[in-house]
C-alpha atoms as a PDB file:
ATOM      1  CA  MET A   1       1.647 -18.180  -4.741  1.00  0.00           C
ATOM      2  CA  ASN A   2      -0.028 -15.557  -2.609  1.00  0.00           C
ATOM      3  CA  VAL A   3      -0.641 -16.509   0.998  1.00  0.00           C
ATOM      4  CA  PRO A   4      -4.020 -15.421   2.431  1.00  0.00           C
ATOM      5  CA  LEU A   5      -4.147 -11.849   3.648  1.00  0.00           C
ATOM      6  CA  THR A   6      -4.150 -10.799   7.259  1.00  0.00           C
ATOM      7  CA  ALA A   7      -5.600  -7.445   8.212  1.00  0.00           C
ATOM      8  CA  GLN A   8      -4.931  -5.947  11.645  1.00  0.00           C
ATOM      9  CA  PRO A   9      -5.612  -2.420  12.807  1.00  0.00           C
ATOM     10  CA  ASN A  10      -2.791  -0.293  11.443  1.00  0.00           C
ATOM     11  CA  LEU A  11      -1.162  -3.061   9.371  1.00  0.00           C
ATOM     12  CA  PHE A  12      -2.087  -4.989   6.227  1.00  0.00           C
ATOM     13  CA  ARG A  13       0.061  -8.033   5.490  1.00  0.00           C
ATOM     14  CA  GLN A  14       0.450 -10.176   2.429  1.00  0.00           C
ATOM     15  CA  THR A  15       3.113 -12.796   1.769  1.00  0.00           C
ATOM     16  CA  ARG A  16       4.307 -13.153  -1.809  1.00  0.00           C
ATOM     17  CA  LYS A  17       6.696 -15.687  -3.270  1.00  0.00           C
ATOM     18  CA  VAL A  18       9.584 -14.293  -5.316  1.00  0.00           C
ATOM     19  CA  ARG A  19       9.111 -15.741  -8.777  1.00  0.00           C
ATOM     20  CA  PHE A  20      11.594 -16.289 -11.587  1.00  0.00           C
ATOM     21  CA  SER A  21       9.845 -13.508 -13.544  1.00  0.00           C
ATOM     22  CA  HIS A  22      10.689 -11.034 -10.743  1.00  0.00           C
ATOM     23  CA  CYS A  23      14.429 -11.681 -10.939  1.00  0.00           C
ATOM     24  CA  ASP A  24      17.484 -10.606 -12.895  1.00  0.00           C
ATOM     25  CA  PRO A  25      19.936 -13.190 -14.301  1.00  0.00           C
ATOM     26  CA  ALA A  26      21.657 -13.402 -10.887  1.00  0.00           C
ATOM     27  CA  GLY A  27      18.412 -14.613  -9.277  1.00  0.00           C
ATOM     28  CA  MET A  28      17.823 -11.400  -7.295  1.00  0.00           C
ATOM     29  CA  VAL A  29      14.654  -9.323  -7.516  1.00  0.00           C
ATOM     30  CA  PHE A  30      14.963  -6.671 -10.223  1.00  0.00           C
ATOM     31  CA  PHE A  31      13.888  -3.632  -8.190  1.00  0.00           C
ATOM     32  CA  PRO A  32      11.183  -2.280 -10.572  1.00  0.00           C
ATOM     33  CA  ARG A  33       9.275  -5.521  -9.987  1.00  0.00           C
ATOM     34  CA  TYR A  34       8.724  -4.409  -6.389  1.00  0.00           C
ATOM     35  CA  LEU A  35       7.028  -1.265  -7.663  1.00  0.00           C
ATOM     36  CA  ALA A  36       4.584  -3.217  -9.840  1.00  0.00           C
ATOM     37  CA  GLN A  37       3.828  -5.451  -6.851  1.00  0.00           C
ATOM     38  CA  LEU A  38       3.273  -2.356  -4.706  1.00  0.00           C
ATOM     39  CA  ASN A  39       0.359  -1.405  -6.928  1.00  0.00           C
ATOM     40  CA  ASP A  40      -1.037  -4.959  -6.637  1.00  0.00           C
ATOM     41  CA  LEU A  41      -0.744  -4.669  -2.854  1.00  0.00           C
ATOM     42  CA  VAL A  42      -2.697  -1.391  -2.800  1.00  0.00           C
ATOM     43  CA  GLU A  43      -5.483  -2.949  -4.891  1.00  0.00           C
ATOM     44  CA  ASP A  44      -5.694  -5.946  -2.532  1.00  0.00           C
ATOM     45  CA  TRP A  45      -5.615  -3.628   0.500  1.00  0.00           C
ATOM     46  CA  PHE A  46      -8.606  -1.698  -0.855  1.00  0.00           C
ATOM     47  CA  ASP A  47     -10.595  -4.851  -1.592  1.00  0.00           C
ATOM     48  CA  GLU A  48      -9.730  -6.872   1.498  1.00  0.00           C
ATOM     49  CA  ALA A  49      -8.893  -4.479   4.334  1.00  0.00           C
ATOM     50  CA  LEU A  50     -10.752  -1.295   3.429  1.00  0.00           C
ATOM     51  CA  GLY A  51     -13.797  -3.054   1.962  1.00  0.00           C
ATOM     52  CA  ILE A  52     -13.823  -0.826  -1.133  1.00  0.00           C
ATOM     53  CA  ASN A  53     -13.811  -2.554  -4.509  1.00  0.00           C
ATOM     54  CA  TYR A  54     -10.776  -1.026  -6.223  1.00  0.00           C
ATOM     55  CA  ALA A  55     -11.887  -1.865  -9.770  1.00  0.00           C
ATOM     56  CA  GLU A  56     -15.253  -0.212  -9.132  1.00  0.00           C
ATOM     57  CA  PHE A  57     -13.574   2.774  -7.456  1.00  0.00           C
ATOM     58  CA  ILE A  58     -11.618   3.404 -10.657  1.00  0.00           C
ATOM     59  CA  SER A  59     -13.910   2.137 -13.432  1.00  0.00           C
ATOM     60  CA  THR A  60     -17.417   2.888 -12.154  1.00  0.00           C
ATOM     61  CA  ARG A  61     -16.955   5.689  -9.647  1.00  0.00           C
ATOM     62  CA  LYS A  62     -14.327   7.333 -11.881  1.00  0.00           C
ATOM     63  CA  PHE A  63     -11.766   8.147  -9.200  1.00  0.00           C
ATOM     64  CA  GLY A  64      -8.036   7.777  -9.665  1.00  0.00           C
ATOM     65  CA  LEU A  65      -5.270   7.331  -7.081  1.00  0.00           C
ATOM     66  CA  PRO A  66      -2.020   8.066  -8.865  1.00  0.00           C
ATOM     67  CA  THR A  67       1.239   7.856  -6.983  1.00  0.00           C
ATOM     68  CA  VAL A  68       2.682  11.369  -6.806  1.00  0.00           C
ATOM     69  CA  LYS A  69       5.638  10.661  -4.539  1.00  0.00           C
ATOM     70  CA  LEU A  70       7.653   7.514  -3.991  1.00  0.00           C
ATOM     71  CA  GLU A  71      10.734   6.934  -1.843  1.00  0.00           C
ATOM     72  CA  CYS A  72      12.424   3.548  -1.900  1.00  0.00           C
ATOM     73  CA  ALA A  73      15.219   1.997   0.118  1.00  0.00           C
ATOM     74  CA  PHE A  74      16.406  -1.404  -1.073  1.00  0.00           C
ATOM     75  CA  LEU A  75      18.235  -2.753   1.950  1.00  0.00           C
ATOM     76  CA  SER A  76      19.040  -6.333   0.959  1.00  0.00           C
ATOM     77  CA  PRO A  77      18.293  -8.343  -2.169  1.00  0.00           C
ATOM     78  CA  GLY A  78      15.247 -10.542  -2.431  1.00  0.00           C
ATOM     79  CA  VAL A  79      16.080 -13.883  -4.026  1.00  0.00           C
ATOM     80  CA  PHE A  80      14.289 -16.320  -6.285  1.00  0.00           C
ATOM     81  CA  GLY A  81      12.135 -18.779  -4.320  1.00  0.00           C
ATOM     82  CA  SER A  82      11.991 -16.797  -1.080  1.00  0.00           C
ATOM     83  CA  GLU A  83       8.807 -15.433   0.457  1.00  0.00           C
ATOM     84  CA  ILE A  84       8.502 -11.777   1.347  1.00  0.00           C
ATOM     85  CA  GLU A  85       5.888 -10.464   3.744  1.00  0.00           C
ATOM     86  CA  TRP A  86       4.607  -7.104   2.546  1.00  0.00           C
ATOM     87  CA  GLN A  87       3.484  -4.868   5.432  1.00  0.00           C
ATOM     88  CA  LEU A  88       1.400  -1.789   4.605  1.00  0.00           C
ATOM     89  CA  SER A  89       0.483   0.956   7.074  1.00  0.00           C
ATOM     90  CA  VAL A  90      -1.066   4.397   6.725  1.00  0.00           C
ATOM     91  CA  GLU A  91       1.303   7.223   7.660  1.00  0.00           C
ATOM     92  CA  ARG A  92      -0.950  10.139   6.837  1.00  0.00           C
ATOM     93  CA  ILE A  93      -4.488  10.951   5.719  1.00  0.00           C
ATOM     94  CA  GLY A  94      -4.795  14.354   4.077  1.00  0.00           C
ATOM     95  CA  ASN A  95      -7.646  16.182   2.397  1.00  0.00           C
ATOM     96  CA  SER A  96      -6.925  14.560  -0.963  1.00  0.00           C
ATOM     97  CA  SER A  97      -3.898  12.376  -0.247  1.00  0.00           C
ATOM     98  CA  ILE A  98      -2.890   9.173   1.517  1.00  0.00           C
ATOM     99  CA  GLY A  99       0.652   8.560   2.799  1.00  0.00           C
ATOM    100  CA  LEU A 100       1.610   4.891   2.932  1.00  0.00           C
ATOM    101  CA  ALA A 101       4.589   3.025   4.379  1.00  0.00           C
ATOM    102  CA  VAL A 102       5.396  -0.461   3.083  1.00  0.00           C
ATOM    103  CA  ARG A 103       8.099  -2.841   4.282  1.00  0.00           C
ATOM    104  CA  GLY A 104       9.165  -6.128   2.785  1.00  0.00           C
ATOM    105  CA  VAL A 105      10.398  -8.676   5.336  1.00  0.00           C
ATOM    106  CA  ASP A 106      11.904 -12.079   4.570  1.00  0.00           C
ATOM    107  CA  GLY A 107      13.062 -14.348   7.385  1.00  0.00           C
ATOM    108  CA  GLY A 108      13.142 -11.432   9.818  1.00  0.00           C
ATOM    109  CA  GLN A 109      15.305  -9.354   7.470  1.00  0.00           C
ATOM    110  CA  VAL A 110      13.946  -6.136   5.953  1.00  0.00           C
ATOM    111  CA  ARG A 111      14.459  -6.296   2.184  1.00  0.00           C
ATOM    112  CA  PHE A 112      12.959  -2.908   1.304  1.00  0.00           C
ATOM    113  CA  GLU A 113      11.103   0.088   2.691  1.00  0.00           C
ATOM    114  CA  LEU A 114       8.802   2.182   0.531  1.00  0.00           C
ATOM    115  CA  HIS A 115       6.990   5.418   1.290  1.00  0.00           C
ATOM    116  CA  SER A 116       4.401   6.624  -1.177  1.00  0.00           C
ATOM    117  CA  VAL A 117       1.819   9.350  -1.471  1.00  0.00           C
ATOM    118  CA  LEU A 118      -1.369   8.669  -3.427  1.00  0.00           C
ATOM    119  CA  VAL A 119      -3.632  11.543  -4.475  1.00  0.00           C
ATOM    120  CA  ALA A 120      -7.337  11.251  -5.241  1.00  0.00           C
ATOM    121  CA  THR A 121      -8.292  12.546  -8.667  1.00  0.00           C
ATOM    122  CA  ALA A 122     -11.443  12.571 -10.760  1.00  0.00           C
ATOM    123  CA  VAL A 123     -10.790  10.554 -13.907  1.00  0.00           C
ATOM    124  CA  HIS A 124     -10.956  12.742 -17.032  1.00  0.00           C
ATOM    125  CA  GLN A 125     -10.930  15.977 -15.002  1.00  0.00           C
ATOM    126  CA  GLY A 126      -7.368  16.114 -13.759  1.00  0.00           C
ATOM    127  CA  GLY A 127      -6.197  17.642 -10.526  1.00  0.00           C
ATOM    128  CA  ALA A 128      -6.690  16.561  -6.949  1.00  0.00           C
ATOM    129  CA  VAL A 129     -10.112  16.112  -5.372  1.00  0.00           C
ATOM    130  CA  ALA A 130     -11.118  15.478  -1.767  1.00  0.00           C
ATOM    131  CA  LEU A 131     -10.947  11.860  -0.656  1.00  0.00           C
ATOM    132  CA  PRO A 132     -14.418  10.324  -0.964  1.00  0.00           C
ATOM    133  CA  GLU A 133     -16.106  10.090   2.448  1.00  0.00           C
ATOM    134  CA  ASP A 134     -16.390   6.288   2.392  1.00  0.00           C
ATOM    135  CA  LEU A 135     -12.672   6.011   1.652  1.00  0.00           C
ATOM    136  CA  ARG A 136     -11.778   8.488   4.410  1.00  0.00           C
ATOM    137  CA  ALA A 137     -13.935   6.547   6.902  1.00  0.00           C
ATOM    138  CA  ALA A 138     -12.328   3.237   5.856  1.00  0.00           C
ATOM    139  CA  LEU A 139      -8.837   4.733   6.178  1.00  0.00           C
ATOM    140  CA  LEU A 140      -9.595   6.031   9.668  1.00  0.00           C
ATOM    141  CA  ARG A 141     -10.951   2.625  10.750  1.00  0.00           C
ATOM    142  CA  PHE A 142      -7.920   0.876   9.284  1.00  0.00           C
ATOM    143  CA  ARG A 143      -5.410   3.257  10.833  1.00  0.00           C
ATOM    144  CA  GLY A 144      -7.091   3.020  14.215  1.00  0.00           C
ATOM    145  CA  PRO A 145      -6.742   5.574  17.027  1.00  0.00           C
ATOM    146  CA  GLN A 146      -3.671   7.750  16.836  1.00  0.00           C
ATOM    147  CA  PRO A 147      -2.028   9.526  19.779  1.00  0.00           C
ATOM    148  CA  GLN A 148      -2.872  12.946  18.337  1.00  0.00           C
ATOM    149  CA  ASP A 149      -6.498  11.833  17.819  1.00  0.00           C
ATOM    150  CA  GLU A 150      -6.812  10.743  21.448  1.00  0.00           C
ATOM    151  CA  SER A 151      -5.354  13.997  22.793  1.00  0.00           C
ATOM    152  CA  ALA A 152      -7.723  16.000  20.605  1.00  0.00           C
ATOM    153  CA  GLN A 153     -10.698  14.140  22.131  1.00  0.00           C
ATOM    154  CA  VAL A 154      -9.570  14.928  25.702  1.00  0.00           C
ATOM    155  CA  ARG A 155      -9.686  18.670  25.159  1.00  0.00           C
END
């Protein structure tokens, strides 16, 4: 069961129930399942918070967003039947890359922290390309004002 999404400036949240299929025989989340769910989260974030249809972005517009870097810290085990709130924020917007931070929280306890870098590519061409302008604009709106942005405007 996925609980309805909540989008706030700087944070995208989605609560997901830990299912039997996510777990090892001990009833704890088998860590690669988090990584598959991370991709689901990014797709939902595009569709619901950024307002960009992810399937169209890939299939029709022919862009890719492969993960080129991923750091994971599994701090405490998720267990069968619990609900984990996934919290996604944008750490960095580059010319062709997006840095994301994702935390999983269950009952006030952080279960995992993930940091990933996605790079825009042109499908069938290979190599990085500049982030499309509509995506960059959506990322900036989502991220909201940043301290460095505000100081740059004062100058």
